[in-house]
C-alpha atoms as a PDB file:
ATOM      1  CA  MET A   1      51.860 -11.601  35.088  1.00  0.00           C
ATOM      2  CA  GLY A   2      51.631  -7.821  34.954  1.00  0.00           C
ATOM      3  CA  VAL A   3      48.603  -5.591  34.643  1.00  0.00           C
ATOM      4  CA  GLN A   4      48.316  -3.051  31.860  1.00  0.00           C
ATOM      5  CA  PRO A   5      48.505   0.671  32.620  1.00  0.00           C
ATOM      6  CA  GLY A   6      45.169   2.447  32.836  1.00  0.00           C
ATOM      7  CA  PRO A   7      44.445   3.724  29.306  1.00  0.00           C
ATOM      8  CA  ASN A   8      43.627   7.287  30.336  1.00  0.00           C
ATOM      9  CA  HIS A   9      45.371   7.587  33.716  1.00  0.00           C
ATOM     10  CA  GLU A  10      41.978   8.072  35.280  1.00  0.00           C
ATOM     11  CA  GLY A  11      42.058  10.578  38.129  1.00  0.00           C
ATOM     12  CA  PHE A  12      45.267  12.252  36.926  1.00  0.00           C
ATOM     13  CA  ARG A  13      44.950  15.996  36.242  1.00  0.00           C
ATOM     14  CA  PHE A  14      47.030  17.778  33.633  1.00  0.00           C
ATOM     15  CA  CYS A  15      46.258  21.431  34.315  1.00  0.00           C
ATOM     16  CA  ARG A  16      46.758  24.246  31.825  1.00  0.00           C
ATOM     17  CA  ASP A  17      48.916  26.157  34.285  1.00  0.00           C
ATOM     18  CA  GLY A  18      51.579  23.511  33.659  1.00  0.00           C
ATOM     19  CA  PHE A  19      51.141  21.585  36.911  1.00  0.00           C
ATOM     20  CA  PHE A  20      50.236  17.883  36.841  1.00  0.00           C
ATOM     21  CA  PHE A  21      48.726  15.789  39.652  1.00  0.00           C
ATOM     22  CA  ASP A  22      48.262  12.054  40.084  1.00  0.00           C
ATOM     23  CA  ASP A  23      45.068  10.356  41.256  1.00  0.00           C
ATOM     24  CA  ASP A  24      46.080  11.044  44.861  1.00  0.00           C
ATOM     25  CA  GLY A  25      46.310  14.783  44.122  1.00  0.00           C
ATOM     26  CA  LEU A  26      50.126  14.811  44.374  1.00  0.00           C
ATOM     27  CA  PRO A  27      52.278  16.879  41.984  1.00  0.00           C
ATOM     28  CA  LEU A  28      54.297  15.092  39.331  1.00  0.00           C
ATOM     29  CA  VAL A  29      56.076  15.711  36.050  1.00  0.00           C
ATOM     30  CA  LEU A  30      56.291  13.788  32.775  1.00  0.00           C
ATOM     31  CA  ILE A  31      59.888  13.031  31.794  1.00  0.00           C
ATOM     32  CA  GLY A  32      61.464  11.184  28.898  1.00  0.00           C
ATOM     33  CA  ARG A  33      63.465   8.093  29.794  1.00  0.00           C
ATOM     34  CA  VAL A  34      66.542   9.052  27.758  1.00  0.00           C
ATOM     35  CA  GLU A  35      66.189  12.685  28.811  1.00  0.00           C
ATOM     36  CA  PHE A  36      66.284  11.705  32.492  1.00  0.00           C
ATOM     37  CA  LEU A  37      69.217   9.346  31.920  1.00  0.00           C
ATOM     38  CA  HIS A  38      71.256  12.170  30.353  1.00  0.00           C
ATOM     39  CA  PHE A  39      70.253  14.556  33.141  1.00  0.00           C
ATOM     40  CA  TRP A  40      71.170  12.058  35.824  1.00  0.00           C
ATOM     41  CA  ASN A  41      74.535  11.128  34.282  1.00  0.00           C
ATOM     42  CA  CYS A  42      75.461  14.819  33.988  1.00  0.00           C
ATOM     43  CA  LEU A  43      74.379  15.516  37.575  1.00  0.00           C
ATOM     44  CA  ASP A  44      76.291  12.501  38.897  1.00  0.00           C
ATOM     45  CA  SER A  45      79.464  13.597  37.070  1.00  0.00           C
ATOM     46  CA  CYS A  46      79.415  16.939  38.892  1.00  0.00           C
ATOM     47  CA  PHE A  47      80.447  15.348  42.199  1.00  0.00           C
ATOM     48  CA  SER A  48      83.579  13.508  43.253  1.00  0.00           C
ATOM     49  CA  SER A  49      81.644  10.652  44.882  1.00  0.00           C
ATOM     50  CA  PRO A  50      78.865   8.743  43.069  1.00  0.00           C
ATOM     51  CA  LEU A  51      75.264   9.769  43.752  1.00  0.00           C
ATOM     52  CA  GLY A  52      73.593   6.482  42.825  1.00  0.00           C
ATOM     53  CA  ARG A  53      72.554   5.627  46.384  1.00  0.00           C
ATOM     54  CA  LYS A  54      71.246   9.183  46.839  1.00  0.00           C
ATOM     55  CA  LEU A  55      68.837   8.685  43.940  1.00  0.00           C
ATOM     56  CA  ILE A  56      67.677   5.287  45.233  1.00  0.00           C
ATOM     57  CA  TYR A  57      67.003   6.713  48.702  1.00  0.00           C
ATOM     58  CA  ALA A  58      65.272   9.791  47.248  1.00  0.00           C
ATOM     59  CA  ALA A  59      62.866   7.505  45.397  1.00  0.00           C
ATOM     60  CA  THR A  60      62.377   5.258  48.439  1.00  0.00           C
ATOM     61  CA  ASP A  61      61.818   8.081  50.947  1.00  0.00           C
ATOM     62  CA  ALA A  62      59.445  10.022  48.691  1.00  0.00           C
ATOM     63  CA  GLU A  63      57.401   6.928  47.841  1.00  0.00           C
ATOM     64  CA  GLU A  64      57.326   5.790  51.464  1.00  0.00           C
ATOM     65  CA  ARG A  65      55.882   9.103  52.608  1.00  0.00           C
ATOM     66  CA  ILE A  66      53.194   8.920  49.893  1.00  0.00           C
ATOM     67  CA  LEU A  67      52.178   5.370  50.797  1.00  0.00           C
ATOM     68  CA  ALA A  68      52.085   6.083  54.527  1.00  0.00           C
ATOM     69  CA  SER A  69      49.745   9.053  54.148  1.00  0.00           C
ATOM     70  CA  ASN A  70      47.116   7.539  51.821  1.00  0.00           C
ATOM     71  CA  GLU A  71      44.262   5.319  52.973  1.00  0.00           C
ATOM     72  CA  ARG A  72      44.103   3.183  49.846  1.00  0.00           C
ATOM     73  CA  TYR A  73      47.606   1.859  50.486  1.00  0.00           C
ATOM     74  CA  LYS A  74      46.816   1.048  54.111  1.00  0.00           C
ATOM     75  CA  LEU A  75      47.143  -2.560  55.198  1.00  0.00           C
ATOM     76  CA  GLY A  76      44.223  -4.229  56.952  1.00  0.00           C
ATOM     77  CA  ARG A  77      44.582  -5.408  60.521  1.00  0.00           C
ATOM     78  CA  PHE A  78      44.622  -9.098  59.615  1.00  0.00           C
ATOM     79  CA  PHE A  79      44.419  -9.267  55.821  1.00  0.00           C
ATOM     80  CA  GLY A  80      45.037  -6.991  52.885  1.00  0.00           C
ATOM     81  CA  GLN A  81      48.716  -7.528  52.037  1.00  0.00           C
ATOM     82  CA  LYS A  82      47.900  -9.136  48.684  1.00  0.00           C
ATOM     83  CA  ARG A  83      45.400  -6.387  47.824  1.00  0.00           C
ATOM     84  CA  VAL A  84      47.884  -3.601  48.603  1.00  0.00           C
ATOM     85  CA  ARG A  85      50.663  -5.347  46.698  1.00  0.00           C
ATOM     86  CA  ASN A  86      48.442  -5.554  43.605  1.00  0.00           C
ATOM     87  CA  VAL A  87      47.491  -1.890  43.960  1.00  0.00           C
ATOM     88  CA  LEU A  88      51.180  -0.934  44.163  1.00  0.00           C
ATOM     89  CA  ARG A  89      52.081  -3.012  41.113  1.00  0.00           C
ATOM     90  CA  GLN A  90      49.331  -1.288  39.149  1.00  0.00           C
ATOM     91  CA  ARG A  91      50.611   2.049  40.450  1.00  0.00           C
ATOM     92  CA  ALA A  92      54.119   1.303  39.153  1.00  0.00           C
ATOM     93  CA  LEU A  93      52.689   0.464  35.714  1.00  0.00           C
ATOM     94  CA  ASN A  94      50.550   3.596  35.545  1.00  0.00           C
ATOM     95  CA  MET A  95      53.532   5.733  36.485  1.00  0.00           C
ATOM     96  CA  GLY A  96      55.702   4.024  33.852  1.00  0.00           C
ATOM     97  CA  TRP A  97      58.294   2.703  36.311  1.00  0.00           C
ATOM     98  CA  GLY A  98      58.239  -0.918  35.140  1.00  0.00           C
ATOM     99  CA  VAL A  99      56.605  -4.249  36.016  1.00  0.00           C
ATOM    100  CA  PHE A 100      57.228  -4.936  39.707  1.00  0.00           C
ATOM    101  CA  GLY A 101      57.249  -8.620  40.650  1.00  0.00           C
ATOM    102  CA  ASP A 102      58.551 -10.745  43.504  1.00  0.00           C
ATOM    103  CA  GLN A 103      62.229  -9.777  43.824  1.00  0.00           C
ATOM    104  CA  GLN A 104      62.469  -8.569  40.255  1.00  0.00           C
ATOM    105  CA  ILE A 105      61.570  -5.656  37.991  1.00  0.00           C
ATOM    106  CA  THR A 106      60.840  -6.156  34.314  1.00  0.00           C
ATOM    107  CA  ALA A 107      61.144  -3.240  31.872  1.00  0.00           C
ATOM    108  CA  PRO A 108      62.533  -0.778  34.464  1.00  0.00           C
ATOM    109  CA  VAL A 109      62.437   2.827  33.262  1.00  0.00           C
ATOM    110  CA  HIS A 110      65.635   3.630  35.193  1.00  0.00           C
ATOM    111  CA  ASP A 111      67.633   1.252  37.360  1.00  0.00           C
ATOM    112  CA  ALA A 112      68.131   3.384  40.486  1.00  0.00           C
ATOM    113  CA  LEU A 113      64.671   4.958  40.406  1.00  0.00           C
ATOM    114  CA  SER A 114      62.829   1.688  39.838  1.00  0.00           C
ATOM    115  CA  VAL A 115      64.848  -0.103  42.519  1.00  0.00           C
ATOM    116  CA  GLY A 116      64.161   2.701  44.992  1.00  0.00           C
ATOM    117  CA  PHE A 117      60.411   2.539  44.379  1.00  0.00           C
ATOM    118  CA  ALA A 118      60.440  -1.261  44.635  1.00  0.00           C
ATOM    119  CA  LEU A 119      62.224  -1.072  48.003  1.00  0.00           C
ATOM    120  CA  ALA A 120      59.605   1.358  49.335  1.00  0.00           C
ATOM    121  CA  HIS A 121      56.808  -0.973  48.180  1.00  0.00           C
ATOM    122  CA  GLU A 122      58.394  -4.053  49.767  1.00  0.00           C
ATOM    123  CA  GLU A 123      58.973  -2.301  53.086  1.00  0.00           C
ATOM    124  CA  HIS A 124      55.458  -0.872  53.094  1.00  0.00           C
ATOM    125  CA  VAL A 125      53.717  -4.171  52.355  1.00  0.00           C
ATOM    126  CA  ARG A 126      55.776  -6.208  54.824  1.00  0.00           C
ATOM    127  CA  GLN A 127      56.150  -3.400  57.386  1.00  0.00           C
ATOM    128  CA  LEU A 128      59.842  -4.191  57.785  1.00  0.00           C
ATOM    129  CA  ARG A 129      63.143  -2.550  56.935  1.00  0.00           C
ATOM    130  CA  PHE A 130      65.424  -4.229  54.404  1.00  0.00           C
ATOM    131  CA  ASP A 131      68.955  -4.067  53.143  1.00  0.00           C
ATOM    132  CA  MET A 132      68.919  -4.544  49.400  1.00  0.00           C
ATOM    133  CA  GLU A 133      71.299  -5.951  46.833  1.00  0.00           C
ATOM    134  CA  TRP A 134      70.445  -5.916  43.143  1.00  0.00           C
ATOM    135  CA  LYS A 135      71.908  -6.819  39.798  1.00  0.00           C
ATOM    136  CA  GLN A 136      70.828  -6.103  36.237  1.00  0.00           C
ATOM    137  CA  PRO A 137      71.576  -9.013  33.891  1.00  0.00           C
ATOM    138  CA  SER A 138      69.919  -7.151  31.018  1.00  0.00           C
ATOM    139  CA  GLN A 139      68.441  -3.747  30.237  1.00  0.00           C
ATOM    140  CA  ASP A 140      64.937  -5.133  30.777  1.00  0.00           C
ATOM    141  CA  LEU A 141      65.471  -7.096  33.986  1.00  0.00           C
ATOM    142  CA  ILE A 142      66.589  -6.244  37.514  1.00  0.00           C
ATOM    143  CA  LEU A 143      66.916  -8.950  40.182  1.00  0.00           C
ATOM    144  CA  ILE A 144      66.620  -7.839  43.828  1.00  0.00           C
ATOM    145  CA  ASP A 145      67.601  -9.602  47.034  1.00  0.00           C
ATOM    146  CA  TYR A 146      66.064  -8.268  50.272  1.00  0.00           C
ATOM    147  CA  ALA A 147      67.601  -8.951  53.693  1.00  0.00           C
ATOM    148  CA  GLN A 148      65.685  -7.902  56.803  1.00  0.00           C
ATOM    149  CA  LYS A 149      67.235  -5.186  58.947  1.00  0.00           C
ATOM    150  CA  GLN A 150      66.858  -4.778  62.678  1.00  0.00           C
ATOM    151  CA  GLY A 151      64.904  -1.847  64.073  1.00  0.00           C
ATOM    152  CA  ASN A 152      61.504  -0.259  63.785  1.00  0.00           C
ATOM    153  CA  LEU A 153      59.881   1.089  60.623  1.00  0.00           C
ATOM    154  CA  SER A 154      60.528   4.770  61.355  1.00  0.00           C
ATOM    155  CA  ALA A 155      59.153   7.547  59.162  1.00  0.00           C
ATOM    156  CA  ALA A 156      61.147   8.810  56.186  1.00  0.00           C
ATOM    157  CA  PRO A 157      62.696  12.272  56.668  1.00  0.00           C
ATOM    158  CA  ASN A 158      61.157  15.471  55.357  1.00  0.00           C
ATOM    159  CA  PRO A 159      62.965  17.045  52.384  1.00  0.00           C
ATOM    160  CA  ILE A 160      64.209  20.615  52.472  1.00  0.00           C
ATOM    161  CA  PRO A 161      61.534  23.097  51.296  1.00  0.00           C
ATOM    162  CA  PHE A 162      63.040  24.825  48.245  1.00  0.00           C
ATOM    163  CA  GLU A 163      61.483  28.194  47.509  1.00  0.00           C
ATOM    164  CA  TRP A 164      62.049  27.820  43.767  1.00  0.00           C
ATOM    165  CA  MET A 165      59.942  24.648  43.621  1.00  0.00           C
ATOM    166  CA  ALA A 166      56.559  26.280  42.989  1.00  0.00           C
ATOM    167  CA  SER A 167      53.215  24.628  43.701  1.00  0.00           C
ATOM    168  CA  GLY A 168      50.212  24.624  41.422  1.00  0.00           C
ATOM    169  CA  LYS A 169      46.546  24.203  42.315  1.00  0.00           C
ATOM    170  CA  ASN A 170      44.776  20.923  41.649  1.00  0.00           C
ATOM    171  CA  ASP A 171      41.635  22.771  40.613  1.00  0.00           C
ATOM    172  CA  ALA A 172      38.933  20.435  39.322  1.00  0.00           C
ATOM    173  CA  GLY A 173      37.130  23.398  37.793  1.00  0.00           C
ATOM    174  CA  GLU A 174      40.021  24.339  35.535  1.00  0.00           C
ATOM    175  CA  ALA A 175      40.203  22.946  32.024  1.00  0.00           C
ATOM    176  CA  SER A 176      42.843  20.281  31.593  1.00  0.00           C
ATOM    177  CA  LEU A 177      45.319  19.516  28.852  1.00  0.00           C
ATOM    178  CA  GLU A 178      44.830  16.397  26.775  1.00  0.00           C
ATOM    179  CA  LEU A 179      47.930  14.239  26.924  1.00  0.00           C
ATOM    180  CA  ASP A 180      48.651  11.967  23.997  1.00  0.00           C
ATOM    181  CA  LEU A 181      50.278   8.940  25.602  1.00  0.00           C
ATOM    182  CA  ASP A 182      50.919   5.984  23.338  1.00  0.00           C
ATOM    183  CA  LEU A 183      50.613   2.775  25.378  1.00  0.00           C
ATOM    184  CA  ARG A 184      52.845  -0.081  24.255  1.00  0.00           C
ATOM    185  CA  GLU A 185      52.848  -3.231  26.384  1.00  0.00           C
ATOM    186  CA  HIS A 186      54.254  -2.201  29.774  1.00  0.00           C
ATOM    187  CA  ARG A 187      55.512   1.207  28.613  1.00  0.00           C
ATOM    188  CA  PHE A 188      54.050   4.448  27.356  1.00  0.00           C
ATOM    189  CA  PHE A 189      55.459   7.011  24.977  1.00  0.00           C
ATOM    190  CA  SER A 190      55.026  10.765  24.771  1.00  0.00           C
ATOM    191  CA  GLY A 191      55.927  11.770  21.243  1.00  0.00           C
ATOM    192  CA  ASP A 192      58.669   9.424  20.116  1.00  0.00           C
ATOM    193  CA  GLU A 193      60.261   8.910  23.526  1.00  0.00           C
ATOM    194  CA  GLN A 194      59.442   6.411  26.235  1.00  0.00           C
ATOM    195  CA  SER A 195      58.355   8.505  29.204  1.00  0.00           C
ATOM    196  CA  PHE A 196      57.293   8.166  32.817  1.00  0.00           C
ATOM    197  CA  PHE A 197      55.714  10.159  35.610  1.00  0.00           C
ATOM    198  CA  LEU A 198      57.935  11.251  38.479  1.00  0.00           C
ATOM    199  CA  HIS A 199      56.637  12.764  41.696  1.00  0.00           C
ATOM    200  CA  VAL A 200      58.070  16.187  42.466  1.00  0.00           C
ATOM    201  CA  SER A 201      58.786  14.926  45.987  1.00  0.00           C
ATOM    202  CA  VAL A 202      61.429  12.539  44.590  1.00  0.00           C
ATOM    203  CA  LEU A 203      63.318  15.534  43.190  1.00  0.00           C
ATOM    204  CA  LYS A 204      62.881  17.396  46.494  1.00  0.00           C
ATOM    205  CA  HIS A 205      64.547  14.530  48.344  1.00  0.00           C
ATOM    206  CA  LEU A 206      67.291  14.305  45.716  1.00  0.00           C
ATOM    207  CA  PHE A 207      68.003  18.046  45.754  1.00  0.00           C
ATOM    208  CA  SER A 208      68.026  17.974  49.570  1.00  0.00           C
ATOM    209  CA  ALA A 209      70.818  15.388  49.426  1.00  0.00           C
ATOM    210  CA  LEU A 210      72.901  17.798  47.304  1.00  0.00           C
ATOM    211  CA  VAL A 211      72.845  20.678  49.788  1.00  0.00           C
ATOM    212  CA  GLY A 212      76.345  21.285  51.157  1.00  0.00           C
ATOM    213  CA  ARG A 213      78.109  18.973  48.693  1.00  0.00           C
ATOM    214  CA  ASP A 214      80.987  20.462  46.712  1.00  0.00           C
ATOM    215  CA  SER A 215      80.411  20.268  42.980  1.00  0.00           C
ATOM    216  CA  VAL A 216      82.275  21.074  39.800  1.00  0.00           C
ATOM    217  CA  VAL A 217      80.100  22.896  37.275  1.00  0.00           C
ATOM    218  CA  HIS A 218      81.324  23.366  33.724  1.00  0.00           C
ATOM    219  CA  SER A 219      79.731  24.974  30.630  1.00  0.00           C
ATOM    220  CA  CYS A 220      78.219  28.451  30.751  1.00  0.00           C
ATOM    221  CA  MET A 221      76.851  27.809  34.266  1.00  0.00           C
ATOM    222  CA  LYS A 222      80.385  28.049  35.624  1.00  0.00           C
ATOM    223  CA  ASP A 223      80.375  31.795  34.931  1.00  0.00           C
ATOM    224  CA  ALA A 224      76.660  32.328  35.473  1.00  0.00           C
ATOM    225  CA  ILE A 225      75.631  35.114  37.819  1.00  0.00           C
ATOM    226  CA  VAL A 226      73.288  33.727  40.457  1.00  0.00           C
ATOM    227  CA  ASP A 227      71.783  36.430  42.668  1.00  0.00           C
ATOM    228  CA  ASP A 228      71.931  36.175  46.449  1.00  0.00           C
ATOM    229  CA  ASP A 229      68.147  35.826  46.664  1.00  0.00           C
ATOM    230  CA  VAL A 230      68.272  32.367  45.022  1.00  0.00           C
ATOM    231  CA  GLN A 231      67.917  29.840  47.825  1.00  0.00           C
ATOM    232  CA  HIS A 232      70.626  27.138  47.902  1.00  0.00           C
ATOM    233  CA  ALA A 233      72.199  28.694  44.829  1.00  0.00           C
ATOM    234  CA  GLU A 234      74.809  25.966  44.359  1.00  0.00           C
ATOM    235  CA  VAL A 235      72.119  23.292  44.098  1.00  0.00           C
ATOM    236  CA  ALA A 236      70.142  25.427  41.632  1.00  0.00           C
ATOM    237  CA  LYS A 237      73.294  25.975  39.595  1.00  0.00           C
ATOM    238  CA  VAL A 238      74.320  22.326  39.368  1.00  0.00           C
ATOM    239  CA  VAL A 239      70.765  21.179  38.526  1.00  0.00           C
ATOM    240  CA  ALA A 240      70.562  23.799  35.768  1.00  0.00           C
ATOM    241  CA  HIS A 241      73.955  22.679  34.462  1.00  0.00           C
ATOM    242  CA  ALA A 242      72.879  19.010  34.286  1.00  0.00           C
ATOM    243  CA  SER A 243      69.629  19.961  32.560  1.00  0.00           C
ATOM    244  CA  LEU A 244      71.502  22.126  30.049  1.00  0.00           C
ATOM    245  CA  GLU A 245      73.932  19.337  29.226  1.00  0.00           C
ATOM    246  CA  ALA A 246      71.058  16.856  28.869  1.00  0.00           C
ATOM    247  CA  PHE A 247      69.341  19.170  26.382  1.00  0.00           C
ATOM    248  CA  ASN A 248      72.590  19.588  24.441  1.00  0.00           C
ATOM    249  CA  ARG A 249      72.571  15.828  23.871  1.00  0.00           C
ATOM    250  CA  SER A 250      69.126  16.006  22.271  1.00  0.00           C
ATOM    251  CA  GLU A 251      68.336  16.791  18.650  1.00  0.00           C
ATOM    252  CA  ASP A 252      65.381  19.110  19.320  1.00  0.00           C
ATOM    253  CA  ALA A 253      65.085  21.797  16.680  1.00  0.00           C
ATOM    254  CA  ILE A 254      64.409  25.300  18.050  1.00  0.00           C
ATOM    255  CA  TYR A 255      63.418  27.868  15.411  1.00  0.00           C
ATOM    256  CA  VAL A 256      62.357  31.361  16.520  1.00  0.00           C
ATOM    257  CA  GLN A 257      62.064  34.487  14.364  1.00  0.00           C
ATOM    258  CA  ASN A 258      60.204  36.641  16.867  1.00  0.00           C
ATOM    259  CA  ALA A 259      59.339  36.477  20.558  1.00  0.00           C
ATOM    260  CA  LYS A 260      55.921  34.926  19.875  1.00  0.00           C
ATOM    261  CA  ASP A 261      57.577  31.905  18.291  1.00  0.00           C
ATOM    262  CA  TRP A 262      58.760  30.865  21.735  1.00  0.00           C
ATOM    263  CA  TYR A 263      55.219  30.005  22.852  1.00  0.00           C
ATOM    264  CA  GLY A 264      54.935  26.694  20.990  1.00  0.00           C
ATOM    265  CA  HIS A 265      58.368  25.524  22.147  1.00  0.00           C
ATOM    266  CA  LEU A 266      57.668  26.464  25.774  1.00  0.00           C
ATOM    267  CA  MET A 267      54.256  24.787  25.693  1.00  0.00           C
ATOM    268  CA  ASN A 268      55.635  21.578  24.228  1.00  0.00           C
ATOM    269  CA  LYS A 269      58.756  21.357  26.378  1.00  0.00           C
ATOM    270  CA  PHE A 270      57.422  22.526  29.742  1.00  0.00           C
ATOM    271  CA  THR A 271      53.690  23.246  30.186  1.00  0.00           C
ATOM    272  CA  GLY A 272      52.635  20.069  28.374  1.00  0.00           C
ATOM    273  CA  ARG A 273      54.769  17.939  30.676  1.00  0.00           C
ATOM    274  CA  GLY A 274      53.891  19.333  34.103  1.00  0.00           C
ATOM    275  CA  LEU A 275      56.990  21.534  34.298  1.00  0.00           C
ATOM    276  CA  GLY A 276      55.028  24.734  34.837  1.00  0.00           C
ATOM    277  CA  VAL A 277      54.745  27.882  32.756  1.00  0.00           C
ATOM    278  CA  VAL A 278      57.516  29.995  31.235  1.00  0.00           C
ATOM    279  CA  GLN A 279      56.695  33.551  30.148  1.00  0.00           C
ATOM    280  CA  VAL A 280      58.810  35.609  27.764  1.00  0.00           C
ATOM    281  CA  MET A 281      59.245  39.009  29.415  1.00  0.00           C
ATOM    282  CA  GLN A 282      61.867  40.396  26.992  1.00  0.00           C
ATOM    283  CA  SER A 283      63.569  39.095  23.866  1.00  0.00           C
ATOM    284  CA  ILE A 284      66.580  40.113  21.820  1.00  0.00           C
ATOM    285  CA  LEU A 285      64.372  39.302  18.828  1.00  0.00           C
ATOM    286  CA  ASN A 286      62.325  42.379  19.737  1.00  0.00           C
ATOM    287  CA  GLY A 287      65.383  44.579  19.986  1.00  0.00           C
ATOM    288  CA  ASP A 288      65.918  44.170  23.730  1.00  0.00           C
ATOM    289  CA  ASN A 289      69.441  43.849  25.118  1.00  0.00           C
ATOM    290  CA  HIS A 290      68.505  40.668  26.957  1.00  0.00           C
ATOM    291  CA  SER A 291      66.057  37.808  26.708  1.00  0.00           C
ATOM    292  CA  VAL A 292      64.225  37.484  30.030  1.00  0.00           C
ATOM    293  CA  PHE A 293      62.104  34.475  31.003  1.00  0.00           C
ATOM    294  CA  HIS A 294      59.854  34.142  34.065  1.00  0.00           C
ATOM    295  CA  ILE A 295      59.826  30.509  35.250  1.00  0.00           C
ATOM    296  CA  ASN A 296      56.985  29.308  37.469  1.00  0.00           C
ATOM    297  CA  SER A 297      57.738  25.619  37.834  1.00  0.00           C
ATOM    298  CA  PRO A 298      57.839  22.782  40.374  1.00  0.00           C
ATOM    299  CA  VAL A 299      61.477  22.266  39.302  1.00  0.00           C
ATOM    300  CA  GLY A 300      62.660  25.756  38.346  1.00  0.00           C
ATOM    301  CA  PRO A 301      66.431  25.137  37.927  1.00  0.00           C
ATOM    302  CA  LEU A 302      65.812  22.109  35.724  1.00  0.00           C
ATOM    303  CA  VAL A 303      63.618  24.219  33.447  1.00  0.00           C
ATOM    304  CA  ALA A 304      66.176  27.051  33.505  1.00  0.00           C
ATOM    305  CA  GLY A 305      68.952  24.760  32.288  1.00  0.00           C
ATOM    306  CA  THR A 306      66.857  23.369  29.455  1.00  0.00           C
ATOM    307  CA  LEU A 307      65.812  26.896  28.508  1.00  0.00           C
ATOM    308  CA  ILE A 308      69.443  28.029  28.311  1.00  0.00           C
ATOM    309  CA  GLY A 309      70.130  25.180  25.896  1.00  0.00           C
ATOM    310  CA  MET A 310      67.062  26.052  23.819  1.00  0.00           C
ATOM    311  CA  TRP A 311      68.059  29.730  23.629  1.00  0.00           C
ATOM    312  CA  GLN A 312      71.628  28.897  22.594  1.00  0.00           C
ATOM    313  CA  ARG A 313      70.433  26.526  19.885  1.00  0.00           C
ATOM    314  CA  ALA A 314      67.860  29.025  18.635  1.00  0.00           C
ATOM    315  CA  HIS A 315      70.339  31.908  18.434  1.00  0.00           C
ATOM    316  CA  GLY A 316      73.446  29.929  17.516  1.00  0.00           C
ATOM    317  CA  MET A 317      75.634  31.388  20.273  1.00  0.00           C
ATOM    318  CA  ARG A 318      76.591  30.844  23.882  1.00  0.00           C
ATOM    319  CA  ALA A 319      74.658  32.736  26.514  1.00  0.00           C
ATOM    320  CA  SER A 320      75.675  35.053  29.280  1.00  0.00           C
ATOM    321  CA  VAL A 321      73.472  33.838  32.147  1.00  0.00           C
ATOM    322  CA  ARG A 322      71.927  35.556  35.154  1.00  0.00           C
ATOM    323  CA  LEU A 323      69.504  33.791  37.482  1.00  0.00           C
ATOM    324  CA  SER A 324      67.418  35.493  40.150  1.00  0.00           C
ATOM    325  CA  GLN A 325      64.404  34.617  42.259  1.00  0.00           C
ATOM    326  CA  THR A 326      61.077  36.318  42.823  1.00  0.00           C
ATOM    327  CA  GLN A 327      58.741  34.682  45.352  1.00  0.00           C
ATOM    328  CA  ASN A 328      58.430  31.040  44.206  1.00  0.00           C
ATOM    329  CA  ALA A 329      59.581  31.725  40.645  1.00  0.00           C
ATOM    330  CA  LEU A 330      62.940  32.092  38.916  1.00  0.00           C
ATOM    331  CA  VAL A 331      63.882  34.830  36.467  1.00  0.00           C
ATOM    332  CA  LEU A 332      66.385  33.841  33.779  1.00  0.00           C
ATOM    333  CA  GLN A 333      68.223  36.564  31.866  1.00  0.00           C
ATOM    334  CA  LEU A 334      70.181  35.572  28.754  1.00  0.00           C
ATOM    335  CA  SER A 335      72.263  37.684  26.411  1.00  0.00           C
ATOM    336  CA  GLU A 336      75.161  37.528  24.009  1.00  0.00           C
ATOM    337  CA  PRO A 337      78.441  37.482  25.959  1.00  0.00           C
ATOM    338  CA  THR A 338      80.400  40.735  25.860  1.00  0.00           C
ATOM    339  CA  VAL A 339      83.908  40.580  24.448  1.00  0.00           C
ATOM    340  CA  ASP A 340      86.678  42.266  26.418  1.00  0.00           C
ATOM    341  CA  TYR A 341      89.383  43.396  23.957  1.00  0.00           C
ATOM    342  CA  ALA A 342      91.542  44.967  26.657  1.00  0.00           C
END
């Protein structure tokens, strides 16, 4: 029997600077289930070999590091396994990952993510390493078989520190946003879409696994100019591409008549979901040659890709893209492509 998610996500902080934190003070983002599925499928298609295991291990390693560093997940010397297991099952529900049971997950938000988190929980509670096989007989059920591995329970690796993954401040004195999450059984919805919370550290581990891998990037990102100051530019480019393609599969309406009209869209799409703050520095709607956006986000390239899609839909044309970096932020410049008649 599962436990219901906490009605208000007590202890979570949704700050007005666009950075969200869980009840352990760790940064996270709010993502739509279908949105993430489109993003992941696009990202996976950019590489010649499947990335499924990379996503599972990113979830496992990130979750393992969180559990190992927090006292409330610590096992007692002689007892406490049942208590910690119950705490972790409640955690999975509050995050929107699914109902974690013994060797099964009901209502998983995403197969690879949910399986990765479940593996981290099993290894943490039993203090053993496991090989894992799983099958999904239906969309709402995953069955998992754990087989003990030899060797010690060594610490999960550190992810690469990406300069364009900005950090916010979990400031208790700052006013917080009010999130309207509609709880339905073991799921919650933001707007009309089932959503879930994802720790930024999961994306750090995933992006780290992409460094050095050859990718094929299509769409306007293939010809995008990415300045030399953008750290791990190929990773930034492929993440932006996947995010752009995911947005193109949505039906979000983007209407802007002047630069100020961007505010509501940016607030709804980014700031209100823990994806940071985007500022409009210039706009072709104000007579400028380019639209320029300043992106201060825990996942800058993901926001940049979505923003390219929003701009193209708003203006009804493809964009000429330039991406640069300033400190921990990205600067996205978009304009109408020039036509060479020569």
